[in-house]
N, C-alpha and C. Protein backbone atom coordinates (compact mmCIF):
# COMPACT_ATOMS: atom_id res chain seq x y z
N MET A 1 68.78 251.61 153.47
CA MET A 1 69.85 252.34 154.09
C MET A 1 71.28 252.04 155.06
N VAL A 2 71.45 251.28 155.73
CA VAL A 2 72.57 250.30 156.45
C VAL A 2 73.66 250.57 154.89
N LEU A 3 73.37 249.57 154.39
CA LEU A 3 73.80 248.95 153.24
C LEU A 3 74.39 250.24 152.34
N ALA A 4 73.53 251.32 152.00
CA ALA A 4 73.32 252.09 151.57
C ALA A 4 75.02 253.58 151.92
N VAL A 5 74.76 253.58 152.68
CA VAL A 5 75.78 253.63 154.04
C VAL A 5 77.16 253.53 153.83
N PHE A 6 76.89 252.54 153.51
CA PHE A 6 77.98 251.44 153.68
C PHE A 6 78.93 251.54 152.06
N GLN A 7 77.84 251.49 151.10
CA GLN A 7 78.53 251.29 149.87
C GLN A 7 78.66 252.63 150.00
N ILE A 8 78.14 253.58 149.73
CA ILE A 8 79.11 255.04 150.14
C ILE A 8 80.89 255.36 150.53
N LEU A 9 80.41 255.13 151.81
CA LEU A 9 82.01 254.61 152.38
C LEU A 9 82.96 253.85 151.93
N LEU A 10 82.25 252.76 152.08
CA LEU A 10 83.38 252.18 150.81
C LEU A 10 84.22 252.69 149.51
N ILE A 11 83.21 253.50 148.65
CA ILE A 11 83.81 253.76 147.36
C ILE A 11 84.13 255.10 148.37
N LYS A 12 84.43 255.83 149.60
CA LYS A 12 85.16 256.89 149.68
C LYS A 12 85.97 256.64 150.39
N GLU A 13 86.14 255.22 151.52
CA GLU A 13 87.64 255.30 151.77
C GLU A 13 88.76 254.56 151.41
N GLN A 14 88.15 253.45 150.72
CA GLN A 14 88.87 252.06 149.97
C GLN A 14 88.23 252.39 148.62
N GLY A 15 87.87 252.95 148.27
CA GLY A 15 87.86 252.46 146.47
C GLY A 15 86.98 251.04 145.86
N PRO A 16 86.54 250.88 145.30
CA PRO A 16 85.48 249.83 144.68
C PRO A 16 85.85 248.19 144.90
N PHE A 17 87.48 247.99 145.72
CA PHE A 17 87.80 246.60 145.00
C PHE A 17 88.17 246.41 146.82
N MET A 18 87.39 245.83 147.45
CA MET A 18 87.38 245.60 148.84
C MET A 18 87.79 243.65 148.78
N HIS A 19 87.70 243.27 147.86
CA HIS A 19 88.80 241.90 148.10
C HIS A 19 90.30 242.36 147.94
N ASP A 20 90.47 243.39 147.49
CA ASP A 20 92.04 243.47 147.35
C ASP A 20 92.77 243.97 148.60
N ILE A 21 91.86 243.61 150.22
CA ILE A 21 92.41 244.58 151.48
C ILE A 21 92.46 243.57 151.38
N GLU A 22 94.09 242.55 151.78
CA GLU A 22 94.38 241.66 152.42
C GLU A 22 94.90 242.25 153.55
N PRO A 23 94.28 241.05 154.42
CA PRO A 23 95.19 242.14 156.23
C PRO A 23 96.89 241.32 156.52
N PHE A 24 97.68 242.41 156.71
CA PHE A 24 98.56 242.63 156.96
C PHE A 24 99.30 241.14 157.03
N PHE A 25 100.50 240.44 155.88
CA PHE A 25 101.10 240.00 156.39
C PHE A 25 102.91 239.71 156.81
N LYS A 26 103.21 240.94 157.14
CA LYS A 26 105.25 241.42 156.76
C LYS A 26 105.33 240.65 158.43
N TRP A 27 104.53 240.15 159.41
CA TRP A 27 104.36 239.91 160.25
C TRP A 27 104.64 237.99 160.66
N ARG A 28 103.96 237.72 159.34
CA ARG A 28 104.19 236.28 159.56
C ARG A 28 105.88 235.16 159.67
N GLY A 29 106.47 235.73 159.47
CA GLY A 29 107.75 234.98 159.39
C GLY A 29 107.75 235.13 161.06
N GLU A 30 106.59 236.09 161.97
CA GLU A 30 107.35 236.16 163.82
C GLU A 30 105.68 234.84 163.82
N TYR A 31 105.20 235.85 163.95
CA TYR A 31 103.49 234.73 164.01
C TYR A 31 102.51 234.52 162.57
N VAL A 32 102.11 233.47 163.14
CA VAL A 32 100.82 233.05 162.12
C VAL A 32 99.54 232.01 163.16
N ALA A 33 98.60 232.89 163.05
CA ALA A 33 97.73 232.46 164.01
C ALA A 33 97.16 230.73 164.06
N ALA A 34 96.98 230.85 162.96
CA ALA A 34 96.10 229.16 162.68
C ALA A 34 97.76 228.21 162.76
N ARG A 35 98.68 228.48 163.00
CA ARG A 35 100.14 227.73 163.72
C ARG A 35 100.42 227.68 164.98
N ASP A 36 99.08 228.07 165.77
CA ASP A 36 99.66 228.66 167.54
C ASP A 36 98.73 228.43 168.37
N GLU A 37 98.60 227.44 169.00
CA GLU A 37 97.92 226.29 169.58
C GLU A 37 97.26 226.66 170.71
N ARG A 38 97.40 228.00 171.40
CA ARG A 38 96.55 228.81 171.85
C ARG A 38 95.87 229.19 171.28
N SER A 39 95.91 229.65 169.98
CA SER A 39 94.75 231.16 169.16
C SER A 39 93.56 230.06 169.01
N PRO A 40 92.97 231.35 168.67
CA PRO A 40 91.63 230.87 169.06
C PRO A 40 91.13 230.42 166.89
N PHE A 41 92.01 230.55 166.23
CA PHE A 41 92.13 230.61 164.82
C PHE A 41 92.91 229.16 164.73
N PHE A 42 93.57 228.44 165.68
CA PHE A 42 94.88 227.65 165.71
C PHE A 42 94.39 226.32 163.90
N GLN A 43 94.08 226.00 163.60
CA GLN A 43 94.35 224.85 162.29
C GLN A 43 93.31 225.66 161.66
N ARG A 44 92.79 226.91 161.61
CA ARG A 44 92.03 227.50 160.40
C ARG A 44 92.84 227.26 159.05
N LYS A 45 91.98 227.33 157.78
CA LYS A 45 92.13 226.90 157.05
C LYS A 45 91.39 227.90 155.54
N TYR A 46 93.33 228.11 154.49
CA TYR A 46 92.87 229.31 153.73
C TYR A 46 92.45 228.89 152.37
N SER A 47 91.99 229.82 151.71
CA SER A 47 92.00 229.51 150.35
C SER A 47 92.54 230.86 149.91
N GLU A 48 93.18 230.67 148.58
CA GLU A 48 93.88 231.99 147.71
C GLU A 48 92.52 232.34 146.46
N PHE A 49 91.91 231.32 146.83
CA PHE A 49 91.13 231.89 145.09
C PHE A 49 90.27 231.90 145.09
N GLN A 50 89.43 230.89 145.90
CA GLN A 50 87.40 231.28 146.86
C GLN A 50 87.28 232.57 147.84
N TYR A 51 86.74 233.06 146.74
CA TYR A 51 85.63 234.12 148.04
C TYR A 51 84.34 233.60 148.38
N THR A 52 84.55 233.62 149.15
CA THR A 52 83.44 233.36 150.04
C THR A 52 82.50 234.47 151.23
N LYS A 53 83.83 234.72 151.89
CA LYS A 53 83.04 235.66 153.35
C LYS A 53 82.58 236.73 152.32
N LYS A 54 81.81 237.81 152.72
CA LYS A 54 80.79 238.72 152.43
C LYS A 54 80.76 239.85 153.95
N VAL A 55 81.13 241.45 153.07
CA VAL A 55 80.51 242.08 153.70
C VAL A 55 79.02 242.99 153.25
N TYR A 56 77.95 242.65 153.31
CA TYR A 56 77.06 242.97 152.21
C TYR A 56 77.08 242.42 151.37
N ASN A 57 76.77 243.11 150.27
CA ASN A 57 77.21 243.06 148.85
C ASN A 57 78.38 242.26 148.54
N TYR A 58 79.18 242.56 149.06
CA TYR A 58 81.01 242.85 148.70
C TYR A 58 81.66 241.62 149.43
N PHE A 59 82.93 240.73 148.19
CA PHE A 59 83.52 239.55 148.42
C PHE A 59 84.93 241.02 149.73
N ILE A 60 85.27 239.97 150.44
CA ILE A 60 86.30 240.17 150.78
C ILE A 60 87.43 239.24 150.63
N HIS A 61 88.15 239.19 151.21
CA HIS A 61 89.87 238.45 150.57
C HIS A 61 89.72 237.07 151.89
N PRO A 62 90.28 236.14 151.04
CA PRO A 62 90.02 234.91 152.01
C PRO A 62 90.64 235.24 153.02
N GLN A 63 91.97 235.76 153.19
CA GLN A 63 92.79 235.33 154.62
C GLN A 63 92.00 235.85 155.91
N TRP A 64 90.52 237.08 156.10
CA TRP A 64 90.60 237.51 157.14
C TRP A 64 89.49 235.90 157.58
N ASP A 65 89.58 236.15 158.67
CA ASP A 65 88.65 235.49 159.21
C ASP A 65 87.35 235.75 160.02
N GLU A 66 86.60 234.78 160.05
CA GLU A 66 85.65 234.96 160.49
C GLU A 66 85.01 234.27 162.47
N PHE A 67 84.45 234.91 162.79
CA PHE A 67 84.21 234.38 164.47
C PHE A 67 83.06 234.76 164.81
N GLY A 68 81.54 235.15 163.39
CA GLY A 68 80.54 235.04 164.03
C GLY A 68 79.28 235.89 163.53
N SER A 69 80.23 236.79 163.58
CA SER A 69 79.58 238.53 162.77
C SER A 69 78.91 238.27 161.10
N ASN A 70 78.19 238.65 161.00
CA ASN A 70 77.84 238.89 159.81
C ASN A 70 78.69 239.91 158.41
N THR A 71 79.12 241.01 159.57
CA THR A 71 79.76 242.17 158.57
C THR A 71 80.93 242.34 158.84
N LEU A 72 81.54 241.71 159.60
CA LEU A 72 82.84 242.08 160.31
C LEU A 72 84.10 240.82 160.54
N TYR A 73 84.87 240.92 160.80
CA TYR A 73 86.09 239.96 160.23
C TYR A 73 87.24 240.61 161.03
N THR A 74 87.86 239.68 161.29
CA THR A 74 89.34 239.77 161.88
C THR A 74 90.43 239.24 161.06
N LYS A 75 91.68 239.60 162.22
CA LYS A 75 93.20 238.78 161.79
C LYS A 75 94.27 238.66 162.74
N ILE A 76 94.24 237.64 163.27
CA ILE A 76 95.66 237.82 164.21
C ILE A 76 96.71 237.90 163.82
N LEU A 77 97.32 239.22 163.45
CA LEU A 77 98.67 239.71 163.43
C LEU A 77 99.63 238.99 164.30
N TYR A 78 99.78 239.46 165.72
CA TYR A 78 101.22 238.72 166.16
C TYR A 78 100.12 238.67 167.77
N VAL A 79 101.04 237.78 169.06
CA VAL A 79 101.25 237.87 169.59
C VAL A 79 101.81 236.93 170.50
N ASP A 80 101.80 238.11 171.64
CA ASP A 80 103.57 237.58 172.50
C ASP A 80 102.93 237.76 174.43
N TYR A 81 103.43 236.02 174.82
CA TYR A 81 102.70 235.56 174.84
C TYR A 81 102.94 236.14 176.49
N ASN A 82 104.88 236.41 176.19
CA ASN A 82 105.25 236.49 177.39
C ASN A 82 105.21 238.02 177.87
N GLU A 83 104.89 238.95 177.15
CA GLU A 83 104.19 240.48 177.14
C GLU A 83 103.37 240.74 178.02
N GLY A 84 102.38 239.71 177.06
CA GLY A 84 100.13 239.87 177.59
C GLY A 84 100.23 240.48 176.06
N TYR A 85 100.48 240.91 175.17
CA TYR A 85 99.71 242.17 174.33
C TYR A 85 99.25 241.03 172.82
N ALA A 86 98.73 241.49 172.75
CA ALA A 86 98.19 240.92 171.23
C ALA A 86 97.95 241.85 170.53
N ILE A 87 98.16 242.03 168.53
CA ILE A 87 97.54 242.85 167.83
C ILE A 87 96.92 242.31 166.95
N PHE A 88 95.81 242.86 166.63
CA PHE A 88 95.07 242.14 165.29
C PHE A 88 93.88 243.34 164.30
N GLU A 89 93.93 243.03 163.03
CA GLU A 89 93.40 243.92 162.38
C GLU A 89 91.49 243.66 162.12
N MET A 90 91.29 244.75 162.50
CA MET A 90 89.27 244.50 162.15
C MET A 90 89.25 244.98 160.69
N ILE A 91 88.11 244.02 159.63
CA ILE A 91 87.37 244.70 158.42
C ILE A 91 85.74 244.93 158.70
N GLY A 92 85.60 245.39 158.19
CA GLY A 92 83.62 245.78 157.57
C GLY A 92 83.23 246.77 158.46
N GLU A 93 81.88 245.78 158.47
CA GLU A 93 80.79 247.38 159.57
C GLU A 93 80.60 246.57 160.59
N TRP A 94 81.42 247.35 162.17
CA TRP A 94 81.33 247.15 163.29
C TRP A 94 79.92 247.37 163.42
N ASN A 95 79.01 246.17 163.57
CA ASN A 95 77.51 247.06 163.61
C ASN A 95 76.83 245.65 165.12
N ASP A 96 76.82 246.41 166.40
CA ASP A 96 76.02 246.26 167.71
C ASP A 96 74.86 246.08 168.30
N SER A 97 74.58 246.99 167.11
CA SER A 97 72.95 247.25 167.38
C SER A 97 72.13 246.51 166.61
N LEU A 98 72.33 245.67 165.19
CA LEU A 98 72.31 244.70 165.05
C LEU A 98 71.93 243.59 164.56
N TYR A 99 73.50 243.25 165.62
CA TYR A 99 74.10 242.17 165.34
C TYR A 99 75.51 241.64 166.50
N ASN A 100 74.99 242.76 167.51
CA ASN A 100 75.71 242.39 168.57
C ASN A 100 77.14 241.67 168.32
N ASP A 101 78.01 242.77 167.79
CA ASP A 101 79.70 241.59 167.07
C ASP A 101 80.29 242.00 168.42
N VAL A 102 80.58 243.37 168.91
CA VAL A 102 81.33 242.72 170.08
C VAL A 102 80.76 241.55 171.02
N MET A 103 79.89 241.20 171.34
CA MET A 103 79.25 240.08 172.18
C MET A 103 80.82 238.64 171.34
N PHE A 104 80.22 238.50 169.91
CA PHE A 104 80.80 237.17 169.43
C PHE A 104 82.47 237.51 169.68
N LEU A 105 82.80 239.24 169.52
CA LEU A 105 84.61 239.24 168.76
C LEU A 105 84.90 238.33 170.59
N LYS A 106 83.83 239.37 171.66
CA LYS A 106 84.03 239.06 173.65
C LYS A 106 84.27 237.15 173.76
N ARG A 107 82.88 237.02 172.78
CA ARG A 107 83.37 235.24 173.75
C ARG A 107 84.41 234.36 172.72
N GLU A 108 84.16 234.13 171.18
CA GLU A 108 84.80 233.65 170.27
C GLU A 108 86.26 234.12 170.34
N VAL A 109 86.56 234.77 170.57
CA VAL A 109 87.46 235.61 170.24
C VAL A 109 88.92 235.96 171.83
N ILE A 110 88.05 237.12 172.22
CA ILE A 110 88.97 237.97 173.86
C ILE A 110 88.88 236.85 174.77
N ASP A 111 88.30 236.73 174.86
CA ASP A 111 87.41 235.30 176.03
C ASP A 111 89.11 234.64 175.95
N GLU A 112 89.25 233.77 174.76
CA GLU A 112 89.83 232.79 175.15
C GLU A 112 91.52 233.52 174.68
N MET A 113 91.58 234.58 174.43
CA MET A 113 92.97 234.69 174.85
C MET A 113 93.11 235.28 176.02
N ILE A 114 92.29 235.89 176.86
CA ILE A 114 92.27 235.98 178.38
C ILE A 114 92.92 234.93 179.13
N ASP A 115 91.77 234.55 178.37
CA ASP A 115 92.52 232.84 179.46
C ASP A 115 94.30 232.40 179.39
N HIS A 116 94.92 233.16 178.10
CA HIS A 116 96.06 232.47 177.93
C HIS A 116 96.91 234.10 178.60
N ARG A 117 96.46 234.99 179.40
CA ARG A 117 97.00 235.76 179.79
C ARG A 117 97.28 236.59 179.06
N ILE A 118 96.63 236.97 177.82
CA ILE A 118 97.09 238.26 177.16
C ILE A 118 95.67 239.11 177.39
N ASN A 119 96.17 240.29 178.30
CA ASN A 119 95.62 241.90 178.48
C ASN A 119 95.64 242.94 177.84
N LYS A 120 96.41 242.97 177.31
CA LYS A 120 96.67 244.45 176.26
C LYS A 120 96.22 243.62 174.73
N PHE A 121 95.33 244.92 174.23
CA PHE A 121 94.53 244.94 173.48
C PHE A 121 95.03 245.54 172.17
N ILE A 122 95.84 245.97 171.22
CA ILE A 122 96.12 246.34 169.81
C ILE A 122 94.75 246.11 169.00
N VAL A 123 93.86 246.34 168.50
CA VAL A 123 92.85 246.56 167.12
C VAL A 123 93.21 247.68 166.21
N ILE A 124 93.32 247.34 165.15
CA ILE A 124 93.55 248.33 164.16
C ILE A 124 92.03 248.38 163.14
N CYS A 125 91.63 249.36 162.73
CA CYS A 125 90.20 249.85 162.97
C CYS A 125 90.73 250.55 162.00
N GLU A 126 91.82 250.40 160.75
CA GLU A 126 91.10 251.52 159.72
C GLU A 126 90.63 250.92 158.31
N ASN A 127 90.19 249.74 158.57
CA ASN A 127 89.08 249.31 157.89
C ASN A 127 87.62 248.88 158.10
N VAL A 128 87.54 249.18 159.74
CA VAL A 128 86.22 249.44 159.88
C VAL A 128 85.28 250.69 159.06
N LEU A 129 84.80 250.43 158.06
CA LEU A 129 84.42 251.77 157.70
C LEU A 129 82.77 252.30 158.09
N ASN A 130 82.15 251.73 159.39
CA ASN A 130 80.82 251.34 160.13
C ASN A 130 80.66 251.52 161.05
N PHE A 131 80.35 252.12 162.54
CA PHE A 131 79.96 251.59 163.65
C PHE A 131 79.04 251.93 163.98
N HIS A 132 78.30 251.16 164.96
CA HIS A 132 76.65 250.96 165.04
C HIS A 132 76.69 250.48 166.47
N GLY A 133 76.63 251.29 167.71
CA GLY A 133 76.93 251.05 168.96
C GLY A 133 75.24 250.11 169.77
N SER A 134 75.78 250.33 170.30
CA SER A 134 74.15 250.21 171.54
C SER A 134 74.59 249.52 173.12
N ASP A 135 74.53 248.87 173.88
CA ASP A 135 75.31 249.47 175.40
C ASP A 135 76.20 249.51 175.11
N ASP A 136 76.88 249.39 176.14
CA ASP A 136 78.36 249.49 176.51
C ASP A 136 79.30 248.44 177.46
N CYS A 137 77.73 247.40 177.82
CA CYS A 137 78.62 246.15 178.17
C CYS A 137 79.31 245.08 178.60
N TYR A 138 79.42 244.43 176.97
CA TYR A 138 79.98 243.58 176.45
C TYR A 138 82.27 244.50 176.65
N TYR A 139 82.10 245.63 176.02
CA TYR A 139 83.08 246.49 176.79
C TYR A 139 83.73 246.54 177.94
N GLU A 140 82.42 246.89 178.91
CA GLU A 140 82.65 247.13 180.35
C GLU A 140 83.56 245.57 180.64
N GLU A 141 83.05 245.22 180.47
CA GLU A 141 83.48 243.36 180.70
C GLU A 141 84.85 243.17 180.55
N TRP A 142 84.87 243.78 179.11
CA TRP A 142 86.47 243.20 178.70
C TRP A 142 87.27 244.07 178.97
N TYR A 143 87.61 245.26 179.86
CA TYR A 143 87.84 246.31 180.35
C TYR A 143 88.17 245.57 181.72
N GLU A 144 87.37 244.94 182.60
CA GLU A 144 86.91 244.67 183.65
C GLU A 144 88.29 242.72 183.95
N ASP A 145 87.93 242.30 182.85
CA ASP A 145 88.38 241.19 182.87
C ASP A 145 89.88 241.81 182.86
N ILE A 146 90.70 242.76 182.47
CA ILE A 146 91.77 243.11 182.46
C ILE A 146 92.35 243.92 183.39
N SER A 147 91.88 245.20 183.85
CA SER A 147 92.63 246.03 184.14
C SER A 147 92.73 245.88 185.31
N ASP A 148 92.94 244.85 186.82
CA ASP A 148 93.45 244.48 187.11
C ASP A 148 95.18 243.89 187.62
N ASP A 149 94.97 243.23 186.34
CA ASP A 149 96.40 243.16 185.82
C ASP A 149 96.69 244.34 184.62
N ARG A 150 96.35 245.02 185.34
CA ARG A 150 96.73 246.47 184.25
C ARG A 150 97.08 246.24 183.10
N GLY A 151 95.94 245.53 182.36
CA GLY A 151 95.41 245.68 180.94
C GLY A 151 94.69 246.60 180.50
N TRP A 152 94.71 246.62 179.30
CA TRP A 152 94.48 248.29 178.52
C TRP A 152 93.71 247.79 176.86
N ILE A 153 93.17 248.46 176.39
CA ILE A 153 92.71 247.87 175.34
C ILE A 153 92.72 249.33 174.25
N CYS A 154 93.31 249.16 173.26
CA CYS A 154 93.57 250.38 172.43
C CYS A 154 93.45 250.08 170.63
N PHE A 155 91.97 251.08 170.56
CA PHE A 155 91.36 251.25 169.44
C PHE A 155 91.98 252.28 168.02
N LEU A 156 93.41 251.21 167.21
CA LEU A 156 94.35 252.13 166.47
C LEU A 156 93.48 252.78 165.13
N ASN A 157 93.52 254.05 164.65
CA ASN A 157 93.53 254.59 163.83
C ASN A 157 91.99 254.53 162.83
N THR A 158 91.42 255.12 164.28
CA THR A 158 90.01 254.82 163.92
C THR A 158 89.64 256.03 162.64
N LEU A 159 88.39 255.57 162.20
CA LEU A 159 88.29 256.53 161.72
C LEU A 159 87.13 257.30 162.15
N ASP A 160 87.19 259.03 161.18
CA ASP A 160 86.95 260.36 162.28
C ASP A 160 85.34 259.99 162.59
N HIS A 161 84.53 259.88 161.99
CA HIS A 161 83.17 259.40 161.98
C HIS A 161 82.92 257.90 162.42
N VAL A 162 83.63 256.83 162.82
CA VAL A 162 83.74 256.16 163.68
C VAL A 162 83.89 256.03 165.03
N LYS A 163 85.00 257.09 165.35
CA LYS A 163 85.16 257.66 166.72
C LYS A 163 84.10 258.39 167.66
N ASP A 164 83.58 259.12 165.95
CA ASP A 164 81.94 259.71 166.92
C ASP A 164 81.24 258.93 167.68
N GLU A 165 81.19 258.11 166.57
CA GLU A 165 80.14 256.98 167.06
C GLU A 165 80.70 256.34 168.11
N MET A 166 81.51 255.93 168.45
CA MET A 166 81.87 254.96 169.15
C MET A 166 81.30 255.95 170.44
N GLN A 167 82.37 257.24 170.41
CA GLN A 167 81.96 258.32 171.44
C GLN A 167 80.63 258.62 172.45
N ASP A 168 79.68 258.19 170.97
CA ASP A 168 78.56 258.53 171.34
C ASP A 168 77.72 257.19 172.25
N VAL A 169 78.39 255.86 172.45
CA VAL A 169 78.05 254.87 173.21
C VAL A 169 78.84 254.76 174.32
N ARG A 170 80.23 256.38 174.52
CA ARG A 170 80.72 255.68 175.27
C ARG A 170 81.94 254.63 176.14
N LEU A 171 81.72 254.17 174.73
CA LEU A 171 83.13 253.72 174.78
C LEU A 171 84.78 253.92 175.44
N GLN A 172 84.85 255.24 175.01
CA GLN A 172 86.00 255.79 175.58
C GLN A 172 86.01 255.50 177.67
N HIS A 173 85.34 255.57 177.90
CA HIS A 173 85.30 254.77 179.57
C HIS A 173 86.18 253.57 179.43
N TYR A 174 86.23 252.54 178.28
CA TYR A 174 86.96 250.93 178.77
C TYR A 174 88.50 251.35 177.33
N ILE A 175 88.35 252.37 176.78
CA ILE A 175 88.73 251.84 174.99
C ILE A 175 89.62 252.72 175.30
N ASN A 176 91.17 253.07 174.53
CA ASN A 176 91.77 254.03 174.13
C ASN A 176 91.94 254.11 172.83
N PHE A 177 91.06 255.44 172.17
CA PHE A 177 91.34 255.41 170.68
C PHE A 177 90.91 256.85 171.18
N GLY A 178 90.70 257.55 169.57
CA GLY A 178 90.81 259.29 169.01
C GLY A 178 92.02 259.41 168.78
N PRO A 179 92.31 261.14 168.79
CA PRO A 179 93.38 261.42 167.71
C PRO A 179 94.66 260.95 168.61
N ASP A 180 94.78 260.11 169.51
CA ASP A 180 96.54 260.11 170.22
C ASP A 180 96.80 258.77 169.49
N PHE A 181 95.50 258.13 168.88
CA PHE A 181 96.49 256.61 168.57
C PHE A 181 95.68 256.40 167.32
N ASN A 182 95.53 257.47 166.66
CA ASN A 182 95.11 257.52 165.04
C ASN A 182 96.37 258.40 164.38
N GLY A 183 96.16 258.18 163.10
CA GLY A 183 97.39 258.98 162.01
C GLY A 183 98.58 257.91 162.41
N ILE A 184 98.48 256.47 162.92
CA ILE A 184 99.77 256.49 163.42
C ILE A 184 100.44 255.30 162.06
N ASN A 185 101.53 254.79 161.87
CA ASN A 185 101.89 254.69 160.53
C ASN A 185 103.23 253.33 161.41
N TRP A 186 102.21 252.28 161.25
CA TRP A 186 102.40 250.91 162.34
C TRP A 186 102.92 249.99 161.19
N ARG A 187 103.22 250.40 159.84
CA ARG A 187 103.33 249.21 158.80
C ARG A 187 104.57 248.94 158.96
N PRO A 188 105.44 249.72 159.30
CA PRO A 188 106.96 249.76 158.72
C PRO A 188 108.03 249.06 160.17
N HIS A 189 106.70 249.22 160.56
CA HIS A 189 107.70 248.51 162.21
C HIS A 189 107.63 247.15 162.45
N LYS A 190 108.11 246.34 163.51
CA LYS A 190 108.07 245.64 163.94
C LYS A 190 106.83 245.57 165.41
N PRO A 191 106.44 244.41 165.57
CA PRO A 191 104.86 244.75 166.83
C PRO A 191 105.78 244.66 168.65
N LYS A 192 107.22 244.23 168.11
CA LYS A 192 107.29 245.00 169.67
C LYS A 192 107.29 246.67 169.73
N VAL A 193 107.51 246.70 168.75
CA VAL A 193 107.89 248.48 168.36
C VAL A 193 106.61 249.24 168.75
N ILE A 194 105.59 248.88 168.43
CA ILE A 194 103.95 249.17 168.20
C ILE A 194 103.85 249.52 169.49
N TYR A 195 103.69 247.67 170.41
CA TYR A 195 103.41 247.28 171.50
C TYR A 195 104.27 248.29 172.61
N LYS A 196 105.19 249.18 172.08
CA LYS A 196 106.09 249.45 173.59
C LYS A 196 105.18 251.28 173.04
N ILE A 197 105.58 252.06 172.49
CA ILE A 197 104.77 253.33 172.44
C ILE A 197 103.57 253.51 172.26
N ILE A 198 102.74 252.75 171.93
CA ILE A 198 101.24 252.50 172.77
C ILE A 198 101.46 252.92 173.77
N ASP A 199 101.75 251.57 174.59
CA ASP A 199 101.64 250.94 176.69
C ASP A 199 102.36 252.56 176.61
N GLN A 200 103.39 253.29 176.16
CA GLN A 200 103.64 254.62 176.80
C GLN A 200 102.58 255.21 177.04
N ILE A 201 102.21 255.34 175.90
CA ILE A 201 101.22 256.43 175.00
C ILE A 201 99.77 257.31 176.58
N ILE A 202 99.27 255.24 176.20
CA ILE A 202 98.72 255.28 177.55
C ILE A 202 99.01 255.50 178.75
N ASN A 203 100.45 254.82 179.32
CA ASN A 203 99.99 255.68 180.36
C ASN A 203 101.57 256.38 180.65
N GLY A 204 101.31 257.86 179.91
CA GLY A 204 101.48 258.58 179.98
C GLY A 204 102.73 259.06 179.41
N GLY A 205 103.90 258.40 179.46
CA GLY A 205 105.10 258.25 179.08
C GLY A 205 105.68 258.63 177.46
N MET A 206 104.73 259.30 176.48
CA MET A 206 105.46 259.44 175.70
C MET A 206 104.13 260.41 174.59
N THR A 207 104.80 261.42 174.01
CA THR A 207 103.28 261.51 173.03
C THR A 207 103.55 260.43 171.88
N LYS A 208 102.68 260.92 170.31
CA LYS A 208 102.53 260.31 169.50
C LYS A 208 103.94 260.15 168.39
N GLN A 209 104.39 259.45 167.92
CA GLN A 209 105.31 259.10 167.34
C GLN A 209 105.51 258.96 165.85
N LEU A 210 104.57 257.71 165.85
CA LEU A 210 104.26 257.33 164.78
C LEU A 210 103.73 257.48 163.36
N THR A 211 104.12 258.60 162.93
CA THR A 211 103.03 259.07 162.13
C THR A 211 103.22 258.93 160.79
N TYR A 212 101.89 259.35 159.65
CA TYR A 212 102.64 259.19 158.41
C TYR A 212 103.28 260.44 158.40
């Protein structure tokens, strides 16, 4: 049943060629996670020709990073250790119900970044095609780990049904997502511009501007 739903969403949202969805690469001149000694993916090796990672029966682009989930992958696009923020993309199905994906994300990626004083997270979710929630304890833990330092978490460009599913498990108590953070045209801009806009929206100083 889950696979059937995922197939329908894949055709509807992305077309049949999931392996063509490459992580955003235009900031690579400023940051590459595999070259960052403080990154969870330091010295990670990639192939441009061998497709081995899958979401169910669909191969995905080899540049995406595994972190323990069976159906969800990530790519850290940019980190600013001075400002304390990170921007990364997700792809696949976010399934806390079956696979506890948030536990793997928190333990394998987020905790290591928090150890290096990252306390503001922009998570681009436009390629997250489905979300299955469970309890919210890891999201609460993530929030509590950074909130004392005025940190925050933002899920950017969630699909409408993904937003609804996240609201059903009350993630809005810990995560910023929804209409104010959807339809953001982030790709033409530098990461610092995206960070400043999101920070000001969260802190009430600005309305959404970078729309498509």
